[in-house]
């Protein structure tokens, strides 16, 4: 997966870029724009996180030991094939 840059998008204004650079150089937190607020529904976020926390454990519990071994062997073979 491609790593995400820590830089903000290129569509920021020159003045915003200058303010961000000055804030970084002085050790202050960068000023946040009103668009940067999280607009997601908190209830939906909590529900999604709850399902994500359950997911891996529930799937592993449901799979047989033989099937888990097959999946692990396939993953290892895939990792070694990349080198």
C-alpha atoms as a PDB file:
ATOM      1  CA  UNK A   1       0.000   0.000   0.000  1.00  0.00           C
ATOM      2  CA  UNK A   2       1.200   3.494  -0.784  1.00  0.00           C
ATOM      3  CA  UNK A   3       2.313   5.514   2.230  1.00  0.00           C
ATOM      4  CA  UNK A   4       0.431   8.693   2.857  1.00  0.00           C
ATOM      5  CA  UNK A   5       2.304  11.938   2.966  1.00  0.00           C
ATOM      6  CA  UNK A   6       2.215  14.051   6.103  1.00  0.00           C
ATOM      7  CA  UNK A   7       1.869  17.129   3.908  1.00  0.00           C
ATOM      8  CA  UNK A   8      -1.544  18.674   3.395  1.00  0.00           C
ATOM      9  CA  UNK A   9      -3.075  18.572  -0.091  1.00  0.00           C
ATOM     10  CA  UNK A  10      -1.727  20.819  -2.839  1.00  0.00           C
ATOM     11  CA  UNK A  11      -4.913  22.869  -2.952  1.00  0.00           C
ATOM     12  CA  UNK A  12      -3.953  24.955   0.077  1.00  0.00           C
ATOM     13  CA  UNK A  13      -3.416  28.686  -0.295  1.00  0.00           C
ATOM     14  CA  UNK A  14       0.112  30.174  -0.236  1.00  0.00           C
ATOM     15  CA  UNK A  15      -0.766  32.023   2.967  1.00  0.00           C
ATOM     16  CA  UNK A  16      -1.965  28.812   4.589  1.00  0.00           C
ATOM     17  CA  UNK A  17       1.249  27.061   3.551  1.00  0.00           C
ATOM     18  CA  UNK A  18       3.330  29.890   5.012  1.00  0.00           C
ATOM     19  CA  UNK A  19       1.402  29.776   8.295  1.00  0.00           C
ATOM     20  CA  UNK A  20       1.885  25.990   8.484  1.00  0.00           C
ATOM     21  CA  UNK A  21       5.650  26.298   7.865  1.00  0.00           C
ATOM     22  CA  UNK A  22       6.045  29.027  10.496  1.00  0.00           C
ATOM     23  CA  UNK A  23       4.042  26.978  13.011  1.00  0.00           C
ATOM     24  CA  UNK A  24       6.202  23.893  12.366  1.00  0.00           C
ATOM     25  CA  UNK A  25       9.438  25.899  12.650  1.00  0.00           C
ATOM     26  CA  UNK A  26       8.370  27.489  15.943  1.00  0.00           C
ATOM     27  CA  UNK A  27       7.117  24.213  17.420  1.00  0.00           C
ATOM     28  CA  UNK A  28       3.525  25.373  17.676  1.00  0.00           C
ATOM     29  CA  UNK A  29       0.593  23.285  16.478  1.00  0.00           C
ATOM     30  CA  UNK A  30      -0.434  24.097  12.936  1.00  0.00           C
ATOM     31  CA  UNK A  31      -3.587  26.220  12.609  1.00  0.00           C
ATOM     32  CA  UNK A  32      -6.589  24.102  11.669  1.00  0.00           C
ATOM     33  CA  UNK A  33      -8.990  25.138   8.978  1.00  0.00           C
ATOM     34  CA  UNK A  34     -12.768  24.811   9.478  1.00  0.00           C
ATOM     35  CA  UNK A  35     -12.857  22.200   6.683  1.00  0.00           C
ATOM     36  CA  UNK A  36     -10.515  19.942   8.669  1.00  0.00           C
ATOM     37  CA  UNK A  37     -13.193  19.067  11.232  1.00  0.00           C
ATOM     38  CA  UNK A  38     -14.392  15.480  11.382  1.00  0.00           C
ATOM     39  CA  UNK A  39     -17.849  15.441   9.826  1.00  0.00           C
ATOM     40  CA  UNK A  40     -18.547  11.755  10.375  1.00  0.00           C
ATOM     41  CA  UNK A  41     -21.462  10.548  12.438  1.00  0.00           C
ATOM     42  CA  UNK A  42     -20.034   9.549  15.873  1.00  0.00           C
ATOM     43  CA  UNK A  43     -22.575   6.732  16.256  1.00  0.00           C
ATOM     44  CA  UNK A  44     -21.593   5.254  12.890  1.00  0.00           C
ATOM     45  CA  UNK A  45     -17.903   5.551  13.759  1.00  0.00           C
ATOM     46  CA  UNK A  46     -18.453   3.710  17.059  1.00  0.00           C
ATOM     47  CA  UNK A  47     -20.478   0.985  15.362  1.00  0.00           C
ATOM     48  CA  UNK A  48     -17.847   0.483  12.660  1.00  0.00           C
ATOM     49  CA  UNK A  49     -15.079   0.300  15.242  1.00  0.00           C
ATOM     50  CA  UNK A  50     -17.033  -2.230  17.269  1.00  0.00           C
ATOM     51  CA  UNK A  51     -17.401  -4.483  14.239  1.00  0.00           C
ATOM     52  CA  UNK A  52     -13.723  -4.035  13.383  1.00  0.00           C
ATOM     53  CA  UNK A  53     -12.651  -5.062  16.864  1.00  0.00           C
ATOM     54  CA  UNK A  54     -14.762  -8.223  16.701  1.00  0.00           C
ATOM     55  CA  UNK A  55     -13.971  -9.169  13.108  1.00  0.00           C
ATOM     56  CA  UNK A  56     -10.601 -10.918  13.238  1.00  0.00           C
ATOM     57  CA  UNK A  57     -11.267 -12.861  16.422  1.00  0.00           C
ATOM     58  CA  UNK A  58     -14.708 -13.984  15.246  1.00  0.00           C
ATOM     59  CA  UNK A  59     -13.337 -15.115  11.883  1.00  0.00           C
ATOM     60  CA  UNK A  60     -10.450 -17.024  13.480  1.00  0.00           C
ATOM     61  CA  UNK A  61     -12.835 -18.720  15.894  1.00  0.00           C
ATOM     62  CA  UNK A  62     -15.128 -19.736  13.037  1.00  0.00           C
ATOM     63  CA  UNK A  63     -12.342 -21.234  10.877  1.00  0.00           C
ATOM     64  CA  UNK A  64     -11.002 -24.714  11.474  1.00  0.00           C
ATOM     65  CA  UNK A  65      -7.355 -25.185  12.404  1.00  0.00           C
ATOM     66  CA  UNK A  66      -6.718 -26.808   9.011  1.00  0.00           C
ATOM     67  CA  UNK A  67      -8.193 -23.849   7.117  1.00  0.00           C
ATOM     68  CA  UNK A  68      -6.250 -21.317   9.239  1.00  0.00           C
ATOM     69  CA  UNK A  69      -3.063 -23.240   8.419  1.00  0.00           C
ATOM     70  CA  UNK A  70      -3.861 -23.138   4.696  1.00  0.00           C
ATOM     71  CA  UNK A  71      -4.435 -19.382   4.825  1.00  0.00           C
ATOM     72  CA  UNK A  72      -1.191 -18.845   6.753  1.00  0.00           C
ATOM     73  CA  UNK A  73       0.805 -20.970   4.301  1.00  0.00           C
ATOM     74  CA  UNK A  74      -0.631 -19.077   1.340  1.00  0.00           C
ATOM     75  CA  UNK A  75       0.242 -15.746   2.980  1.00  0.00           C
ATOM     76  CA  UNK A  76       3.798 -16.880   3.738  1.00  0.00           C
ATOM     77  CA  UNK A  77       4.276 -18.120   0.177  1.00  0.00           C
ATOM     78  CA  UNK A  78       3.030 -14.795  -1.131  1.00  0.00           C
ATOM     79  CA  UNK A  79       5.455 -12.879   1.113  1.00  0.00           C
ATOM     80  CA  UNK A  80       8.421 -15.006   0.043  1.00  0.00           C
ATOM     81  CA  UNK A  81       7.496 -14.721  -3.633  1.00  0.00           C
ATOM     82  CA  UNK A  82       7.920 -10.930  -3.482  1.00  0.00           C
ATOM     83  CA  UNK A  83      11.634 -11.159  -2.602  1.00  0.00           C
END
